PDB file of all heavy atoms in Angstrom:
ATOM      1  N   PHE A   1       1.660  -1.210   4.259  1.00  0.00           N
ATOM      2  CA  PHE A   1       0.327  -0.807   4.703  1.00  0.00           C
ATOM      3  C   PHE A   1       0.101   0.706   4.649  1.00  0.00           C
ATOM      4  O   PHE A   1      -0.830   1.194   5.139  1.00  0.00           O
ATOM      5  CB  PHE A   1       0.125  -1.154   6.117  1.00  0.00           C
ATOM      6  CG  PHE A   1       0.173  -2.674   6.401  1.00  0.00           C
ATOM      7  CD1 PHE A   1       0.689  -3.191   7.532  1.00  0.00           C
ATOM      8  CD2 PHE A   1      -0.067  -3.583   5.292  1.00  0.00           C
ATOM      9  CE1 PHE A   1       0.801  -4.619   7.839  1.00  0.00           C
ATOM     10  CE2 PHE A   1       0.037  -5.054   5.554  1.00  0.00           C
ATOM     11  CZ  PHE A   1       0.425  -5.490   6.789  1.00  0.00           C
ATOM     12  N   VAL A   2       1.038   1.439   4.036  1.00  0.00           N
ATOM     13  CA  VAL A   2       1.104   2.817   3.952  1.00  0.00           C
ATOM     14  C   VAL A   2       0.949   3.405   2.551  1.00  0.00           C
ATOM     15  O   VAL A   2       1.424   2.874   1.569  1.00  0.00           O
ATOM     16  CB  VAL A   2       2.364   3.441   4.512  1.00  0.00           C
ATOM     17  CG1 VAL A   2       2.291   5.038   4.729  1.00  0.00           C
ATOM     18  CG2 VAL A   2       2.662   2.876   5.886  1.00  0.00           C
ATOM     19  N   TYR A   3       0.001   4.450   2.435  1.00  0.00           N
ATOM     20  CA  TYR A   3      -0.346   4.932   1.086  1.00  0.00           C
ATOM     21  C   TYR A   3      -0.245   6.509   1.116  1.00  0.00           C
ATOM     22  O   TYR A   3      -0.700   7.171   2.077  1.00  0.00           O
ATOM     23  CB  TYR A   3      -1.732   4.512   0.600  1.00  0.00           C
ATOM     24  CG  TYR A   3      -1.932   3.043   0.859  1.00  0.00           C
ATOM     25  CD1 TYR A   3      -2.495   2.617   2.129  1.00  0.00           C
ATOM     26  CD2 TYR A   3      -1.676   2.179  -0.070  1.00  0.00           C
ATOM     27  CE1 TYR A   3      -2.784   1.285   2.347  1.00  0.00           C
ATOM     28  CE2 TYR A   3      -1.913   0.748   0.188  1.00  0.00           C
ATOM     29  CZ  TYR A   3      -2.417   0.452   1.413  1.00  0.00           C
ATOM     30  OH  TYR A   3      -2.712  -0.934   1.621  1.00  0.00           O
ATOM     31  N   LYS A   4       0.176   7.135   0.094  1.00  0.00           N
ATOM     32  CA  LYS A   4       0.226   8.608   0.042  1.00  0.00           C
ATOM     33  C   LYS A   4      -1.131   9.119  -0.211  1.00  0.00           C
ATOM     34  O   LYS A   4      -1.917   8.603  -1.006  1.00  0.00           O
ATOM     35  CB  LYS A   4       1.226   9.066  -1.054  1.00  0.00           C
ATOM     36  CG  LYS A   4       2.629   8.784  -0.729  1.00  0.00           C
ATOM     37  CD  LYS A   4       3.651   9.395  -1.808  1.00  0.00           C
ATOM     38  CE  LYS A   4       5.011   8.985  -1.462  1.00  0.00           C
ATOM     39  NZ  LYS A   4       5.985   9.528  -2.551  1.00  0.00           N
ATOM     40  N   MET A   5      -1.398  10.235   0.391  1.00  0.00           N
ATOM     41  CA  MET A   5      -2.638  10.945   0.314  1.00  0.00           C
ATOM     42  C   MET A   5      -2.768  11.849  -0.889  1.00  0.00           C
ATOM     43  O   MET A   5      -1.688  12.576  -1.105  1.00  0.00           O
ATOM     44  CB  MET A   5      -3.021  11.755   1.623  1.00  0.00           C
ATOM     45  CG  MET A   5      -3.247  10.915   2.875  1.00  0.00           C
ATOM     46  SD  MET A   5      -3.346  11.992   4.383  1.00  0.00           S
ATOM     47  CE  MET A   5      -4.400  13.400   3.798  1.00  0.00           C
ATOM     48  N   PRO A   6      -3.867  12.004  -1.548  1.00  0.00           N
ATOM     49  CA  PRO A   6      -4.050  13.047  -2.618  1.00  0.00           C
ATOM     50  C   PRO A   6      -3.866  14.502  -2.011  1.00  0.00           C
ATOM     51  O   PRO A   6      -4.256  14.535  -0.663  1.00  0.00           O
ATOM     52  CB  PRO A   6      -5.379  12.828  -3.154  1.00  0.00           C
ATOM     53  CG  PRO A   6      -5.834  11.430  -2.784  1.00  0.00           C
ATOM     54  CD  PRO A   6      -4.994  11.183  -1.499  1.00  0.00           C
ATOM     55  N   ASP A   7      -3.373  15.466  -2.760  1.00  0.00           N
ATOM     56  CA  ASP A   7      -3.144  16.742  -2.117  1.00  0.00           C
ATOM     57  C   ASP A   7      -4.420  17.385  -1.618  1.00  0.00           C
ATOM     58  O   ASP A   7      -4.397  18.090  -0.593  1.00  0.00           O
ATOM     59  CB  ASP A   7      -2.566  17.671  -3.259  1.00  0.00           C
ATOM     60  CG  ASP A   7      -1.177  17.232  -3.610  1.00  0.00           C
ATOM     61  OD1 ASP A   7      -0.554  16.614  -2.776  1.00  0.00           O
ATOM     62  OD2 ASP A   7      -0.754  17.519  -4.757  1.00  0.00           O
ATOM     63  N   GLU A   8      -5.559  17.169  -2.197  1.00  0.00           N
ATOM     64  CA  GLU A   8      -6.858  17.707  -1.791  1.00  0.00           C
ATOM     65  C   GLU A   8      -7.536  16.990  -0.611  1.00  0.00           C
ATOM     66  O   GLU A   8      -8.438  17.515  -0.039  1.00  0.00           O
ATOM     67  CB  GLU A   8      -7.772  17.796  -2.995  1.00  0.00           C
ATOM     68  CG  GLU A   8      -7.406  18.691  -4.158  1.00  0.00           C
ATOM     69  CD  GLU A   8      -8.263  18.780  -5.243  1.00  0.00           C
ATOM     70  OE1 GLU A   8      -9.482  18.145  -5.083  1.00  0.00           O
ATOM     71  OE2 GLU A   8      -8.056  19.355  -6.287  1.00  0.00           O
ATOM     72  N   MET A   9      -7.041  15.898  -0.216  1.00  0.00           N
ATOM     73  CA  MET A   9      -7.766  15.068   0.813  1.00  0.00           C
ATOM     74  C   MET A   9      -7.261  15.566   2.140  1.00  0.00           C
ATOM     75  O   MET A   9      -6.111  15.878   2.321  1.00  0.00           O
ATOM     76  CB  MET A   9      -7.378  13.581   0.684  1.00  0.00           C
ATOM     77  CG  MET A   9      -8.031  12.738   1.697  1.00  0.00           C
ATOM     78  SD  MET A   9      -7.618  10.941   1.293  1.00  0.00           S
ATOM     79  CE  MET A   9      -8.646  10.481  -0.190  1.00  0.00           C
ATOM     80  N   THR A  10      -8.263  15.775   2.986  1.00  0.00           N
ATOM     81  CA  THR A  10      -7.887  16.128   4.429  1.00  0.00           C
ATOM     82  C   THR A  10      -7.604  14.941   5.317  1.00  0.00           C
ATOM     83  O   THR A  10      -7.890  13.794   4.883  1.00  0.00           O
ATOM     84  CB  THR A  10      -9.147  16.854   5.071  1.00  0.00           C
ATOM     85  OG1 THR A  10     -10.233  16.000   5.179  1.00  0.00           O
ATOM     86  CG2 THR A  10      -9.565  18.058   4.167  1.00  0.00           C
ATOM     87  N   PHE A  11      -6.984  15.230   6.353  1.00  0.00           N
ATOM     88  CA  PHE A  11      -6.613  14.034   7.283  1.00  0.00           C
ATOM     89  C   PHE A  11      -7.886  13.307   7.688  1.00  0.00           C
ATOM     90  O   PHE A  11      -7.805  12.101   7.767  1.00  0.00           O
ATOM     91  CB  PHE A  11      -5.753  14.447   8.421  1.00  0.00           C
ATOM     92  CG  PHE A  11      -4.368  14.794   8.035  1.00  0.00           C
ATOM     93  CD1 PHE A  11      -3.949  16.290   8.158  1.00  0.00           C
ATOM     94  CD2 PHE A  11      -3.460  13.936   7.555  1.00  0.00           C
ATOM     95  CE1 PHE A  11      -2.648  16.584   7.760  1.00  0.00           C
ATOM     96  CE2 PHE A  11      -2.166  14.323   7.161  1.00  0.00           C
ATOM     97  CZ  PHE A  11      -1.824  15.710   7.254  1.00  0.00           C
ATOM     98  N   PRO A  12      -8.866  13.975   8.263  1.00  0.00           N
ATOM     99  CA  PRO A  12     -10.120  13.153   8.563  1.00  0.00           C
ATOM    100  C   PRO A  12     -10.637  12.334   7.419  1.00  0.00           C
ATOM    101  O   PRO A  12     -11.110  11.244   7.654  1.00  0.00           O
ATOM    102  CB  PRO A  12     -11.085  14.242   9.026  1.00  0.00           C
ATOM    103  CG  PRO A  12     -10.267  15.431   9.476  1.00  0.00           C
ATOM    104  CD  PRO A  12      -9.094  15.388   8.527  1.00  0.00           C
ATOM    105  N   GLU A  13     -10.652  12.900   6.152  1.00  0.00           N
ATOM    106  CA  GLU A  13     -11.174  12.219   5.003  1.00  0.00           C
ATOM    107  C   GLU A  13     -10.251  10.880   4.806  1.00  0.00           C
ATOM    108  O   GLU A  13     -10.769   9.865   4.565  1.00  0.00           O
ATOM    109  CB  GLU A  13     -11.181  13.131   3.808  1.00  0.00           C
ATOM    110  CG  GLU A  13     -12.320  14.047   3.707  1.00  0.00           C
ATOM    111  CD  GLU A  13     -12.227  14.897   2.495  1.00  0.00           C
ATOM    112  OE1 GLU A  13     -11.162  14.939   1.802  1.00  0.00           O
ATOM    113  OE2 GLU A  13     -13.269  15.466   2.160  1.00  0.00           O
ATOM    114  N   ALA A  14      -8.983  11.053   4.987  1.00  0.00           N
ATOM    115  CA  ALA A  14      -8.109   9.927   4.690  1.00  0.00           C
ATOM    116  C   ALA A  14      -8.325   8.865   5.788  1.00  0.00           C
ATOM    117  O   ALA A  14      -8.293   7.685   5.479  1.00  0.00           O
ATOM    118  CB  ALA A  14      -6.659  10.402   4.833  1.00  0.00           C
ATOM    119  N   ALA A  15      -8.524   9.273   7.086  1.00  0.00           N
ATOM    120  CA  ALA A  15      -8.826   8.347   8.109  1.00  0.00           C
ATOM    121  C   ALA A  15     -10.183   7.613   7.766  1.00  0.00           C
ATOM    122  O   ALA A  15     -10.462   6.502   8.323  1.00  0.00           O
ATOM    123  CB  ALA A  15      -8.838   8.994   9.386  1.00  0.00           C
ATOM    124  N   ALA A  16     -11.128   8.188   7.024  1.00  0.00           N
ATOM    125  CA  ALA A  16     -12.340   7.642   6.715  1.00  0.00           C
ATOM    126  C   ALA A  16     -12.345   6.821   5.333  1.00  0.00           C
ATOM    127  O   ALA A  16     -13.368   6.245   5.073  1.00  0.00           O
ATOM    128  CB  ALA A  16     -13.513   8.775   6.758  1.00  0.00           C
ATOM    129  N   PHE A  17     -11.229   6.876   4.788  1.00  0.00           N
ATOM    130  CA  PHE A  17     -11.172   6.328   3.402  1.00  0.00           C
ATOM    131  C   PHE A  17     -10.742   4.921   3.267  1.00  0.00           C
ATOM    132  O   PHE A  17     -11.395   4.120   2.685  1.00  0.00           O
ATOM    133  CB  PHE A  17     -10.242   7.342   2.487  1.00  0.00           C
ATOM    134  CG  PHE A  17     -10.233   6.924   1.114  1.00  0.00           C
ATOM    135  CD1 PHE A  17     -11.188   7.413   0.245  1.00  0.00           C
ATOM    136  CD2 PHE A  17      -9.292   6.229   0.538  1.00  0.00           C
ATOM    137  CE1 PHE A  17     -11.159   7.215  -1.110  1.00  0.00           C
ATOM    138  CE2 PHE A  17      -9.218   5.859  -0.836  1.00  0.00           C
ATOM    139  CZ  PHE A  17     -10.181   6.427  -1.643  1.00  0.00           C
ATOM    140  N   SER A  18      -9.569   4.635   3.884  1.00  0.00           N
ATOM    141  CA  SER A  18      -8.853   3.436   3.524  1.00  0.00           C
ATOM    142  C   SER A  18      -9.726   2.170   3.878  1.00  0.00           C
ATOM    143  O   SER A  18      -9.946   1.408   2.985  1.00  0.00           O
ATOM    144  CB  SER A  18      -7.625   3.358   4.252  1.00  0.00           C
ATOM    145  OG  SER A  18      -7.824   3.585   5.726  1.00  0.00           O
ATOM    146  N   LEU A  19     -10.154   1.966   5.088  1.00  0.00           N
ATOM    147  CA  LEU A  19     -10.762   0.707   5.386  1.00  0.00           C
ATOM    148  C   LEU A  19     -12.146   0.543   4.659  1.00  0.00           C
ATOM    149  O   LEU A  19     -12.584  -0.460   4.196  1.00  0.00           O
ATOM    150  CB  LEU A  19     -10.955   0.676   6.936  1.00  0.00           C
ATOM    151  CG  LEU A  19     -11.235  -0.900   7.428  1.00  0.00           C
ATOM    152  CD1 LEU A  19     -10.599  -1.002   8.843  1.00  0.00           C
ATOM    153  CD2 LEU A  19     -12.680  -1.087   7.456  1.00  0.00           C
ATOM    154  N   ASN A  20     -13.009   1.683   4.829  1.00  0.00           N
ATOM    155  CA  ASN A  20     -14.249   1.630   4.253  1.00  0.00           C
ATOM    156  C   ASN A  20     -14.323   1.386   2.764  1.00  0.00           C
ATOM    157  O   ASN A  20     -15.053   0.644   2.169  1.00  0.00           O
ATOM    158  CB  ASN A  20     -15.044   2.890   4.631  1.00  0.00           C
ATOM    159  CG  ASN A  20     -15.350   2.953   6.095  1.00  0.00           C
ATOM    160  OD1 ASN A  20     -15.304   2.022   6.868  1.00  0.00           O
ATOM    161  ND2 ASN A  20     -15.878   4.076   6.554  1.00  0.00           N
ATOM    162  N   PHE A  21     -13.533   2.170   1.976  1.00  0.00           N
ATOM    163  CA  PHE A  21     -13.682   2.162   0.575  1.00  0.00           C
ATOM    164  C   PHE A  21     -12.915   0.991   0.024  1.00  0.00           C
ATOM    165  O   PHE A  21     -13.438   0.274  -0.963  1.00  0.00           O
ATOM    166  CB  PHE A  21     -13.100   3.357  -0.039  1.00  0.00           C
ATOM    167  CG  PHE A  21     -14.162   4.511  -0.146  1.00  0.00           C
ATOM    168  CD1 PHE A  21     -14.247   5.413   0.872  1.00  0.00           C
ATOM    169  CD2 PHE A  21     -14.994   4.612  -1.283  1.00  0.00           C
ATOM    170  CE1 PHE A  21     -15.206   6.457   0.740  1.00  0.00           C
ATOM    171  CE2 PHE A  21     -15.877   5.549  -1.405  1.00  0.00           C
ATOM    172  CZ  PHE A  21     -16.086   6.557  -0.357  1.00  0.00           C
ATOM    173  N   VAL A  22     -11.854   0.537   0.573  1.00  0.00           N
ATOM    174  CA  VAL A  22     -11.164  -0.806   0.076  1.00  0.00           C
ATOM    175  C   VAL A  22     -12.156  -1.956   0.395  1.00  0.00           C
ATOM    176  O   VAL A  22     -12.286  -2.785  -0.546  1.00  0.00           O
ATOM    177  CB  VAL A  22      -9.817  -0.902   0.875  1.00  0.00           C
ATOM    178  CG1 VAL A  22      -9.292  -2.287   0.499  1.00  0.00           C
ATOM    179  CG2 VAL A  22      -8.871   0.157   0.420  1.00  0.00           C
ATOM    180  N   ALA A  23     -12.782  -2.005   1.526  1.00  0.00           N
ATOM    181  CA  ALA A  23     -13.644  -3.080   1.854  1.00  0.00           C
ATOM    182  C   ALA A  23     -14.835  -3.106   0.846  1.00  0.00           C
ATOM    183  O   ALA A  23     -15.201  -4.109   0.327  1.00  0.00           O
ATOM    184  CB  ALA A  23     -14.110  -3.075   3.285  1.00  0.00           C
ATOM    185  N   ALA A  24     -15.442  -1.862   0.664  1.00  0.00           N
ATOM    186  CA  ALA A  24     -16.689  -1.802  -0.334  1.00  0.00           C
ATOM    187  C   ALA A  24     -16.147  -2.193  -1.608  1.00  0.00           C
ATOM    188  O   ALA A  24     -16.891  -2.957  -2.335  1.00  0.00           O
ATOM    189  CB  ALA A  24     -17.111  -0.429  -0.157  1.00  0.00           C
ATOM    190  N   TYR A  25     -15.034  -1.698  -2.116  1.00  0.00           N
ATOM    191  CA  TYR A  25     -14.697  -2.008  -3.566  1.00  0.00           C
ATOM    192  C   TYR A  25     -14.406  -3.483  -3.757  1.00  0.00           C
ATOM    193  O   TYR A  25     -14.743  -4.103  -4.705  1.00  0.00           O
ATOM    194  CB  TYR A  25     -13.395  -1.246  -3.813  1.00  0.00           C
ATOM    195  CG  TYR A  25     -12.963  -1.328  -5.316  1.00  0.00           C
ATOM    196  CD1 TYR A  25     -13.253  -0.301  -6.294  1.00  0.00           C
ATOM    197  CD2 TYR A  25     -12.212  -2.461  -5.729  1.00  0.00           C
ATOM    198  CE1 TYR A  25     -12.933  -0.485  -7.499  1.00  0.00           C
ATOM    199  CE2 TYR A  25     -11.802  -2.646  -7.094  1.00  0.00           C
ATOM    200  CZ  TYR A  25     -12.164  -1.541  -7.947  1.00  0.00           C
ATOM    201  OH  TYR A  25     -11.809  -1.746  -9.281  1.00  0.00           O
ATOM    202  N   MET A  26     -13.626  -4.099  -2.755  1.00  0.00           N
ATOM    203  CA  MET A  26     -13.225  -5.505  -2.978  1.00  0.00           C
ATOM    204  C   MET A  26     -14.537  -6.492  -2.918  1.00  0.00           C
ATOM    205  O   MET A  26     -14.678  -7.354  -3.573  1.00  0.00           O
ATOM    206  CB  MET A  26     -12.276  -5.888  -1.875  1.00  0.00           C
ATOM    207  CG  MET A  26     -10.998  -5.112  -2.026  1.00  0.00           C
ATOM    208  SD  MET A  26      -9.557  -5.779  -1.091  1.00  0.00           S
ATOM    209  CE  MET A  26      -9.120  -7.249  -2.034  1.00  0.00           C
ATOM    210  N   MET A  27     -15.491  -6.111  -2.004  1.00  0.00           N
ATOM    211  CA  MET A  27     -16.668  -6.905  -1.983  1.00  0.00           C
ATOM    212  C   MET A  27     -17.466  -6.741  -3.352  1.00  0.00           C
ATOM    213  O   MET A  27     -17.913  -7.767  -3.815  1.00  0.00           O
ATOM    214  CB  MET A  27     -17.564  -6.517  -0.746  1.00  0.00           C
ATOM    215  CG  MET A  27     -16.964  -6.958   0.509  1.00  0.00           C
ATOM    216  SD  MET A  27     -18.148  -6.731   1.931  1.00  0.00           S
ATOM    217  CE  MET A  27     -18.266  -4.853   2.014  1.00  0.00           C
ATOM    218  N   LEU A  28     -17.634  -5.583  -3.810  1.00  0.00           N
ATOM    219  CA  LEU A  28     -18.369  -5.340  -4.976  1.00  0.00           C
ATOM    220  C   LEU A  28     -17.757  -5.927  -6.262  1.00  0.00           C
ATOM    221  O   LEU A  28     -18.390  -6.631  -7.071  1.00  0.00           O
ATOM    222  CB  LEU A  28     -18.632  -3.879  -5.130  1.00  0.00           C
ATOM    223  CG  LEU A  28     -19.638  -3.116  -4.169  1.00  0.00           C
ATOM    224  CD1 LEU A  28     -19.653  -1.658  -4.374  1.00  0.00           C
ATOM    225  CD2 LEU A  28     -21.041  -3.783  -4.385  1.00  0.00           C
ATOM    226  N   PHE A  29     -16.381  -5.654  -6.411  1.00  0.00           N
ATOM    227  CA  PHE A  29     -15.786  -5.962  -7.691  1.00  0.00           C
ATOM    228  C   PHE A  29     -14.910  -7.129  -7.716  1.00  0.00           C
ATOM    229  O   PHE A  29     -14.794  -7.787  -8.711  1.00  0.00           O
ATOM    230  CB  PHE A  29     -14.914  -4.644  -8.169  1.00  0.00           C
ATOM    231  CG  PHE A  29     -15.867  -3.450  -8.372  1.00  0.00           C
ATOM    232  CD1 PHE A  29     -15.847  -2.460  -7.482  1.00  0.00           C
ATOM    233  CD2 PHE A  29     -16.581  -3.312  -9.491  1.00  0.00           C
ATOM    234  CE1 PHE A  29     -16.578  -1.323  -7.632  1.00  0.00           C
ATOM    235  CE2 PHE A  29     -17.397  -2.284  -9.690  1.00  0.00           C
ATOM    236  CZ  PHE A  29     -17.449  -1.181  -8.787  1.00  0.00           C
ATOM    237  N   GLU A  30     -14.263  -7.438  -6.638  1.00  0.00           N
ATOM    238  CA  GLU A  30     -13.425  -8.635  -6.504  1.00  0.00           C
ATOM    239  C   GLU A  30     -14.116  -9.846  -6.154  1.00  0.00           C
ATOM    240  O   GLU A  30     -13.883 -11.002  -6.714  1.00  0.00           O
ATOM    241  CB  GLU A  30     -12.294  -8.379  -5.480  1.00  0.00           C
ATOM    242  CG  GLU A  30     -11.313  -7.187  -5.700  1.00  0.00           C
ATOM    243  CD  GLU A  30     -10.418  -7.407  -6.905  1.00  0.00           C
ATOM    244  OE1 GLU A  30     -10.238  -8.567  -7.342  1.00  0.00           O
ATOM    245  OE2 GLU A  30      -9.966  -6.460  -7.501  1.00  0.00           O
ATOM    246  N   VAL A  31     -15.169  -9.723  -5.337  1.00  0.00           N
ATOM    247  CA  VAL A  31     -15.902 -10.934  -4.898  1.00  0.00           C
ATOM    248  C   VAL A  31     -17.116 -11.101  -5.593  1.00  0.00           C
ATOM    249  O   VAL A  31     -17.423 -12.202  -6.162  1.00  0.00           O
ATOM    250  CB  VAL A  31     -16.219 -10.833  -3.353  1.00  0.00           C
ATOM    251  CG1 VAL A  31     -16.974 -12.100  -2.865  1.00  0.00           C
ATOM    252  CG2 VAL A  31     -14.909 -10.692  -2.446  1.00  0.00           C
ATOM    253  N   ALA A  32     -18.012 -10.054  -5.711  1.00  0.00           N
ATOM    254  CA  ALA A  32     -19.254 -10.148  -6.353  1.00  0.00           C
ATOM    255  C   ALA A  32     -19.351  -9.824  -7.861  1.00  0.00           C
ATOM    256  O   ALA A  32     -20.389 -10.082  -8.499  1.00  0.00           O
ATOM    257  CB  ALA A  32     -20.336  -9.379  -5.654  1.00  0.00           C
ATOM    258  N   ASN A  33     -18.210  -9.266  -8.416  1.00  0.00           N
ATOM    259  CA  ASN A  33     -18.093  -8.929  -9.834  1.00  0.00           C
ATOM    260  C   ASN A  33     -19.298  -8.096 -10.204  1.00  0.00           C
ATOM    261  O   ASN A  33     -20.052  -8.352 -11.180  1.00  0.00           O
ATOM    262  CB  ASN A  33     -18.121 -10.280 -10.595  1.00  0.00           C
ATOM    263  CG  ASN A  33     -17.586 -10.049 -12.056  1.00  0.00           C
ATOM    264  OD1 ASN A  33     -17.007  -9.044 -12.318  1.00  0.00           O
ATOM    265  ND2 ASN A  33     -17.995 -10.920 -12.886  1.00  0.00           N
ATOM    266  N   LEU A  34     -19.453  -6.924  -9.584  1.00  0.00           N
ATOM    267  CA  LEU A  34     -20.438  -5.985  -9.992  1.00  0.00           C
ATOM    268  C   LEU A  34     -20.314  -5.504 -11.473  1.00  0.00           C
ATOM    269  O   LEU A  34     -19.252  -5.069 -11.813  1.00  0.00           O
ATOM    270  CB  LEU A  34     -20.351  -4.818  -9.062  1.00  0.00           C
ATOM    271  CG  LEU A  34     -21.489  -3.694  -9.267  1.00  0.00           C
ATOM    272  CD1 LEU A  34     -22.902  -4.149  -9.116  1.00  0.00           C
ATOM    273  CD2 LEU A  34     -21.188  -2.426  -8.440  1.00  0.00           C
ATOM    274  N   ARG A  35     -21.430  -5.513 -12.186  1.00  0.00           N
ATOM    275  CA  ARG A  35     -21.346  -5.060 -13.616  1.00  0.00           C
ATOM    276  C   ARG A  35     -22.610  -4.271 -13.884  1.00  0.00           C
ATOM    277  O   ARG A  35     -23.565  -4.149 -13.119  1.00  0.00           O
ATOM    278  CB  ARG A  35     -21.432  -6.246 -14.414  1.00  0.00           C
ATOM    279  CG  ARG A  35     -20.174  -7.227 -14.333  1.00  0.00           C
ATOM    280  CD  ARG A  35     -20.183  -8.312 -15.359  1.00  0.00           C
ATOM    281  NE  ARG A  35     -21.366  -9.143 -15.316  1.00  0.00           N
ATOM    282  CZ  ARG A  35     -21.591 -10.053 -14.403  1.00  0.00           C
ATOM    283  NH1 ARG A  35     -20.732 -10.234 -13.475  1.00  0.00           N
ATOM    284  NH2 ARG A  35     -22.690 -10.801 -14.523  1.00  0.00           N
TER     285      ARG A  35
END
């Protein structure tokens, strides 16, 4: 469940990144097949 952060990413950005963007990506591309 652990992932390395990009060098330019701040800690607040990282805490805002994982759940929101993974959920958004999977709904759009894995479930709904956005094209």
